[in-house]
Amino acid sequence: MLTLAAEFVEEAWPLRVLVRFFASLRELVGKKMEQIEFPDSEKVTVGKVLKRLSEVYGRDFVEYVFDRETGEIQSYLLLLVNGRSITALEGLETKFMDGDVLAILPPVGGG
């Protein structure tokens, strides 16, 4: 006889984050956006997504996003999660939920 728990075994669904690239970063990676998947049980943060992107796109991406001397995000970049700056959230520790969007924006010039 099956127990109720055995009948309803939950499947792990991946957590998906959509990353949007702009300006010269778009040229560097060769696309406007990319969806990244993580196992459901993983805690996914902005820092973890940037690490994955660094592994995929290599040194050019790392040098564009991170300050060579400090390892911090370049001060001229604006990172938004669902339209909100990560500086107003939890910085690199900002957590994602399935379907969230990370936008990496360069400085905006005017004139």
N, C-alpha and C. Protein backbone atom coordinates (compact mmCIF):
# COMPACT_ATOMS: atom_id res chain seq x y z
N MET A 1 0.83 -1.17 0.00
CA MET A 1 0.00 0.00 0.00
C MET A 1 0.89 1.26 0.00
N LEU A 2 0.60 2.19 -0.91
CA LEU A 2 1.35 3.43 -1.00
C LEU A 2 0.86 4.44 0.04
N THR A 3 1.80 5.16 0.57
CA THR A 3 1.41 6.23 1.49
C THR A 3 1.10 7.47 0.68
N LEU A 4 0.39 8.39 1.29
CA LEU A 4 0.04 9.63 0.62
C LEU A 4 1.30 10.39 0.18
N ALA A 5 2.33 10.39 1.02
CA ALA A 5 3.57 11.08 0.70
C ALA A 5 4.22 10.49 -0.54
N ALA A 6 4.18 9.19 -0.70
CA ALA A 6 4.80 8.54 -1.85
C ALA A 6 4.07 8.88 -3.14
N GLU A 7 2.79 9.17 -3.05
CA GLU A 7 2.01 9.48 -4.24
C GLU A 7 2.31 10.89 -4.78
N PHE A 8 2.76 11.76 -3.92
CA PHE A 8 2.99 13.15 -4.30
C PHE A 8 4.44 13.55 -4.15
N VAL A 9 5.30 12.82 -4.82
CA VAL A 9 6.72 13.15 -4.79
C VAL A 9 6.91 14.42 -5.63
N GLU A 10 7.50 15.42 -5.00
CA GLU A 10 7.70 16.68 -5.71
C GLU A 10 8.94 16.60 -6.59
N GLU A 11 8.81 17.15 -7.77
CA GLU A 11 9.96 17.27 -8.66
C GLU A 11 10.61 18.62 -8.41
N ALA A 12 11.93 18.66 -8.50
CA ALA A 12 12.65 19.92 -8.36
C ALA A 12 12.59 20.66 -9.70
N TRP A 13 12.14 21.90 -9.66
CA TRP A 13 12.06 22.71 -10.86
C TRP A 13 13.22 23.69 -10.84
N PRO A 14 13.81 23.96 -11.98
CA PRO A 14 14.93 24.91 -11.99
C PRO A 14 14.44 26.33 -11.73
N LEU A 15 15.31 27.13 -11.18
CA LEU A 15 15.05 28.55 -11.01
C LEU A 15 15.69 29.24 -12.20
N ARG A 16 14.91 30.06 -12.89
CA ARG A 16 15.40 30.72 -14.10
C ARG A 16 15.55 32.22 -13.86
N VAL A 17 16.69 32.75 -14.29
CA VAL A 17 16.94 34.19 -14.22
C VAL A 17 17.22 34.66 -15.65
N LEU A 18 16.53 35.70 -16.06
CA LEU A 18 16.77 36.28 -17.37
C LEU A 18 17.74 37.44 -17.19
N VAL A 19 18.85 37.41 -17.92
CA VAL A 19 19.85 38.48 -17.85
C VAL A 19 19.76 39.27 -19.15
N ARG A 20 19.63 40.60 -19.00
CA ARG A 20 19.57 41.49 -20.16
C ARG A 20 20.86 42.28 -20.25
N PHE A 21 21.46 42.28 -21.44
CA PHE A 21 22.72 42.96 -21.69
C PHE A 21 22.46 44.21 -22.54
N PHE A 22 23.21 45.28 -22.25
CA PHE A 22 23.03 46.54 -22.98
C PHE A 22 24.37 47.07 -23.46
N ALA A 23 24.30 47.87 -24.52
CA ALA A 23 25.44 48.63 -25.07
C ALA A 23 26.65 47.74 -25.35
N SER A 24 27.84 48.15 -24.89
CA SER A 24 29.06 47.41 -25.22
C SER A 24 29.09 46.01 -24.61
N LEU A 25 28.39 45.81 -23.50
CA LEU A 25 28.34 44.45 -22.93
C LEU A 25 27.54 43.54 -23.86
N ARG A 26 26.51 44.07 -24.48
CA ARG A 26 25.73 43.30 -25.45
C ARG A 26 26.64 42.88 -26.61
N GLU A 27 27.48 43.78 -27.06
CA GLU A 27 28.42 43.46 -28.14
C GLU A 27 29.42 42.41 -27.69
N LEU A 28 29.89 42.53 -26.46
CA LEU A 28 30.89 41.60 -25.92
C LEU A 28 30.35 40.16 -25.84
N VAL A 29 29.10 40.00 -25.37
CA VAL A 29 28.54 38.65 -25.22
C VAL A 29 27.83 38.17 -26.48
N GLY A 30 27.52 39.10 -27.39
CA GLY A 30 26.92 38.72 -28.66
C GLY A 30 25.43 38.43 -28.61
N LYS A 31 24.75 38.93 -27.57
CA LYS A 31 23.30 38.72 -27.49
C LYS A 31 22.67 39.77 -26.59
N LYS A 32 21.34 39.92 -26.75
CA LYS A 32 20.60 40.90 -25.95
C LYS A 32 20.25 40.36 -24.58
N MET A 33 20.01 39.06 -24.51
CA MET A 33 19.61 38.47 -23.24
C MET A 33 19.96 36.99 -23.20
N GLU A 34 19.98 36.47 -21.99
CA GLU A 34 20.26 35.05 -21.79
C GLU A 34 19.51 34.58 -20.55
N GLN A 35 18.92 33.41 -20.66
CA GLN A 35 18.26 32.80 -19.51
C GLN A 35 19.21 31.79 -18.88
N ILE A 36 19.40 31.91 -17.58
CA ILE A 36 20.28 31.01 -16.84
C ILE A 36 19.44 30.20 -15.88
N GLU A 37 19.70 28.90 -15.83
CA GLU A 37 18.96 28.02 -14.93
C GLU A 37 19.85 27.51 -13.82
N PHE A 38 19.26 27.42 -12.63
CA PHE A 38 19.93 26.88 -11.45
C PHE A 38 19.01 25.82 -10.84
N PRO A 39 19.59 24.79 -10.19
CA PRO A 39 18.74 23.81 -9.50
C PRO A 39 17.87 24.51 -8.46
N ASP A 40 16.65 24.01 -8.29
CA ASP A 40 15.67 24.63 -7.40
C ASP A 40 16.17 24.80 -5.97
N SER A 41 16.98 23.88 -5.51
CA SER A 41 17.41 23.92 -4.12
C SER A 41 18.51 24.95 -3.88
N GLU A 42 19.06 25.52 -4.95
CA GLU A 42 20.15 26.48 -4.83
C GLU A 42 19.64 27.86 -4.46
N LYS A 43 20.37 28.54 -3.56
CA LYS A 43 20.11 29.95 -3.27
C LYS A 43 20.82 30.74 -4.37
N VAL A 44 20.07 31.49 -5.16
CA VAL A 44 20.65 32.20 -6.29
C VAL A 44 20.65 33.69 -5.99
N THR A 45 21.85 34.27 -6.05
CA THR A 45 22.04 35.70 -5.78
C THR A 45 22.62 36.38 -7.02
N VAL A 46 22.65 37.71 -6.97
CA VAL A 46 23.28 38.48 -8.06
C VAL A 46 24.73 38.04 -8.21
N GLY A 47 25.43 37.88 -7.10
CA GLY A 47 26.82 37.45 -7.16
C GLY A 47 26.99 36.10 -7.84
N LYS A 48 26.08 35.18 -7.56
CA LYS A 48 26.16 33.85 -8.18
C LYS A 48 25.89 33.92 -9.68
N VAL A 49 24.95 34.75 -10.09
CA VAL A 49 24.67 34.91 -11.52
C VAL A 49 25.88 35.53 -12.23
N LEU A 50 26.49 36.54 -11.62
CA LEU A 50 27.67 37.16 -12.23
C LEU A 50 28.82 36.16 -12.31
N LYS A 51 28.95 35.32 -11.32
CA LYS A 51 30.00 34.28 -11.36
C LYS A 51 29.75 33.33 -12.53
N ARG A 52 28.51 32.89 -12.71
CA ARG A 52 28.18 31.99 -13.82
C ARG A 52 28.47 32.68 -15.16
N LEU A 53 28.07 33.94 -15.29
CA LEU A 53 28.33 34.67 -16.53
C LEU A 53 29.83 34.82 -16.77
N SER A 54 30.59 35.02 -15.71
CA SER A 54 32.05 35.13 -15.84
C SER A 54 32.66 33.84 -16.35
N GLU A 55 32.11 32.71 -15.90
CA GLU A 55 32.60 31.40 -16.36
C GLU A 55 32.26 31.18 -17.83
N VAL A 56 31.08 31.63 -18.23
CA VAL A 56 30.64 31.44 -19.62
C VAL A 56 31.38 32.36 -20.58
N TYR A 57 31.51 33.64 -20.21
CA TYR A 57 32.04 34.64 -21.15
C TYR A 57 33.50 35.00 -20.93
N GLY A 58 34.10 34.53 -19.85
CA GLY A 58 35.53 34.65 -19.67
C GLY A 58 36.06 36.03 -19.29
N ARG A 59 37.34 36.19 -19.58
CA ARG A 59 38.10 37.35 -19.12
C ARG A 59 37.52 38.69 -19.58
N ASP A 60 37.07 38.79 -20.82
CA ASP A 60 36.53 40.06 -21.30
C ASP A 60 35.32 40.49 -20.48
N PHE A 61 34.46 39.54 -20.15
CA PHE A 61 33.30 39.85 -19.32
C PHE A 61 33.75 40.29 -17.93
N VAL A 62 34.67 39.55 -17.35
CA VAL A 62 35.16 39.85 -16.00
C VAL A 62 35.76 41.26 -15.96
N GLU A 63 36.57 41.60 -16.95
CA GLU A 63 37.20 42.92 -16.97
C GLU A 63 36.20 44.05 -17.20
N TYR A 64 35.12 43.77 -17.90
CA TYR A 64 34.09 44.78 -18.13
C TYR A 64 33.27 45.02 -16.86
N VAL A 65 32.96 43.96 -16.13
CA VAL A 65 32.05 44.06 -14.99
C VAL A 65 32.77 44.36 -13.68
N PHE A 66 33.95 43.81 -13.48
CA PHE A 66 34.63 43.92 -12.19
C PHE A 66 35.86 44.82 -12.26
N ASP A 67 36.09 45.59 -11.20
CA ASP A 67 37.29 46.40 -11.07
C ASP A 67 38.48 45.48 -10.87
N ARG A 68 39.50 45.64 -11.68
CA ARG A 68 40.68 44.76 -11.65
C ARG A 68 41.38 44.79 -10.30
N GLU A 69 41.45 45.95 -9.66
CA GLU A 69 42.18 46.09 -8.40
C GLU A 69 41.39 45.63 -7.18
N THR A 70 40.10 45.96 -7.15
CA THR A 70 39.31 45.67 -5.95
C THR A 70 38.44 44.41 -6.06
N GLY A 71 38.13 44.01 -7.30
CA GLY A 71 37.23 42.88 -7.49
C GLY A 71 35.77 43.24 -7.33
N GLU A 72 35.49 44.52 -7.04
CA GLU A 72 34.12 45.00 -6.89
C GLU A 72 33.51 45.25 -8.27
N ILE A 73 32.18 45.37 -8.30
CA ILE A 73 31.50 45.74 -9.53
C ILE A 73 32.00 47.13 -9.95
N GLN A 74 32.22 47.31 -11.25
CA GLN A 74 32.65 48.62 -11.74
C GLN A 74 31.65 49.68 -11.28
N SER A 75 32.16 50.80 -10.79
CA SER A 75 31.31 51.84 -10.24
C SER A 75 30.38 52.47 -11.28
N TYR A 76 30.75 52.38 -12.54
CA TYR A 76 29.93 52.99 -13.59
C TYR A 76 28.76 52.10 -14.04
N LEU A 77 28.71 50.85 -13.60
CA LEU A 77 27.63 49.96 -14.00
C LEU A 77 26.45 50.08 -13.05
N LEU A 78 25.27 49.90 -13.61
CA LEU A 78 24.04 49.86 -12.82
C LEU A 78 23.44 48.49 -13.01
N LEU A 79 23.23 47.77 -11.91
CA LEU A 79 22.62 46.45 -11.95
C LEU A 79 21.22 46.55 -11.36
N LEU A 80 20.24 46.12 -12.14
CA LEU A 80 18.84 46.19 -11.72
C LEU A 80 18.24 44.80 -11.64
N VAL A 81 17.52 44.53 -10.57
CA VAL A 81 16.74 43.30 -10.45
C VAL A 81 15.28 43.71 -10.51
N ASN A 82 14.61 43.27 -11.56
CA ASN A 82 13.21 43.63 -11.78
C ASN A 82 13.00 45.15 -11.72
N GLY A 83 13.97 45.89 -12.27
CA GLY A 83 13.86 47.34 -12.35
C GLY A 83 14.33 48.10 -11.13
N ARG A 84 14.81 47.40 -10.10
CA ARG A 84 15.30 48.06 -8.88
C ARG A 84 16.80 47.87 -8.75
N SER A 85 17.49 48.96 -8.43
CA SER A 85 18.94 48.90 -8.28
C SER A 85 19.32 47.96 -7.14
N ILE A 86 20.36 47.16 -7.35
CA ILE A 86 20.78 46.24 -6.29
C ILE A 86 21.31 47.00 -5.08
N THR A 87 21.71 48.27 -5.27
CA THR A 87 22.17 49.06 -4.12
C THR A 87 21.01 49.39 -3.18
N ALA A 88 19.79 49.39 -3.69
CA ALA A 88 18.61 49.62 -2.85
C ALA A 88 18.07 48.31 -2.29
N LEU A 89 18.66 47.20 -2.72
CA LEU A 89 18.23 45.88 -2.25
C LEU A 89 19.32 45.33 -1.33
N GLU A 90 19.84 44.16 -1.64
CA GLU A 90 20.88 43.55 -0.80
C GLU A 90 22.21 43.42 -1.52
N GLY A 91 22.46 44.31 -2.50
CA GLY A 91 23.71 44.26 -3.23
C GLY A 91 23.91 42.93 -3.94
N LEU A 92 25.12 42.42 -3.91
CA LEU A 92 25.42 41.14 -4.57
C LEU A 92 24.71 39.97 -3.91
N GLU A 93 24.21 40.16 -2.70
CA GLU A 93 23.48 39.10 -1.99
C GLU A 93 21.98 39.13 -2.28
N THR A 94 21.54 40.02 -3.17
CA THR A 94 20.14 40.07 -3.56
C THR A 94 19.74 38.72 -4.14
N LYS A 95 18.68 38.13 -3.60
CA LYS A 95 18.24 36.79 -4.03
C LYS A 95 17.23 36.90 -5.17
N PHE A 96 17.28 35.90 -6.03
CA PHE A 96 16.35 35.81 -7.15
C PHE A 96 15.26 34.79 -6.87
N MET A 97 14.09 35.06 -7.46
CA MET A 97 13.02 34.08 -7.53
C MET A 97 12.89 33.69 -9.00
N ASP A 98 12.24 32.59 -9.26
CA ASP A 98 12.09 32.12 -10.63
C ASP A 98 11.44 33.20 -11.49
N GLY A 99 12.06 33.47 -12.63
CA GLY A 99 11.52 34.44 -13.58
C GLY A 99 12.01 35.86 -13.39
N ASP A 100 12.80 36.12 -12.37
CA ASP A 100 13.33 37.47 -12.16
C ASP A 100 14.27 37.87 -13.29
N VAL A 101 14.44 39.19 -13.44
CA VAL A 101 15.27 39.74 -14.51
C VAL A 101 16.41 40.56 -13.91
N LEU A 102 17.62 40.28 -14.37
CA LEU A 102 18.80 41.08 -14.02
C LEU A 102 19.20 41.86 -15.26
N ALA A 103 19.23 43.18 -15.14
CA ALA A 103 19.69 44.04 -16.25
C ALA A 103 21.02 44.64 -15.85
N ILE A 104 22.01 44.57 -16.75
CA ILE A 104 23.33 45.15 -16.52
C ILE A 104 23.46 46.33 -17.48
N LEU A 105 23.45 47.54 -16.89
CA LEU A 105 23.41 48.77 -17.68
C LEU A 105 24.71 49.55 -17.54
N PRO A 106 25.21 50.08 -18.66
CA PRO A 106 26.39 50.95 -18.62
C PRO A 106 25.95 52.35 -18.22
N PRO A 107 26.91 53.25 -18.06
CA PRO A 107 26.53 54.63 -17.74
C PRO A 107 25.73 55.25 -18.89
N VAL A 108 24.86 56.15 -18.52
CA VAL A 108 24.03 56.83 -19.53
C VAL A 108 24.59 58.23 -19.70
N GLY A 109 24.87 58.56 -20.94
CA GLY A 109 25.37 59.90 -21.25
C GLY A 109 24.24 60.75 -21.80
N GLY A 110 24.35 62.02 -21.63
CA GLY A 110 23.31 62.92 -22.14
C GLY A 110 23.96 64.09 -22.87
N GLY A 111 23.12 64.88 -23.40
CA GLY A 111 23.69 66.03 -24.06
C GLY A 111 22.68 66.91 -24.72
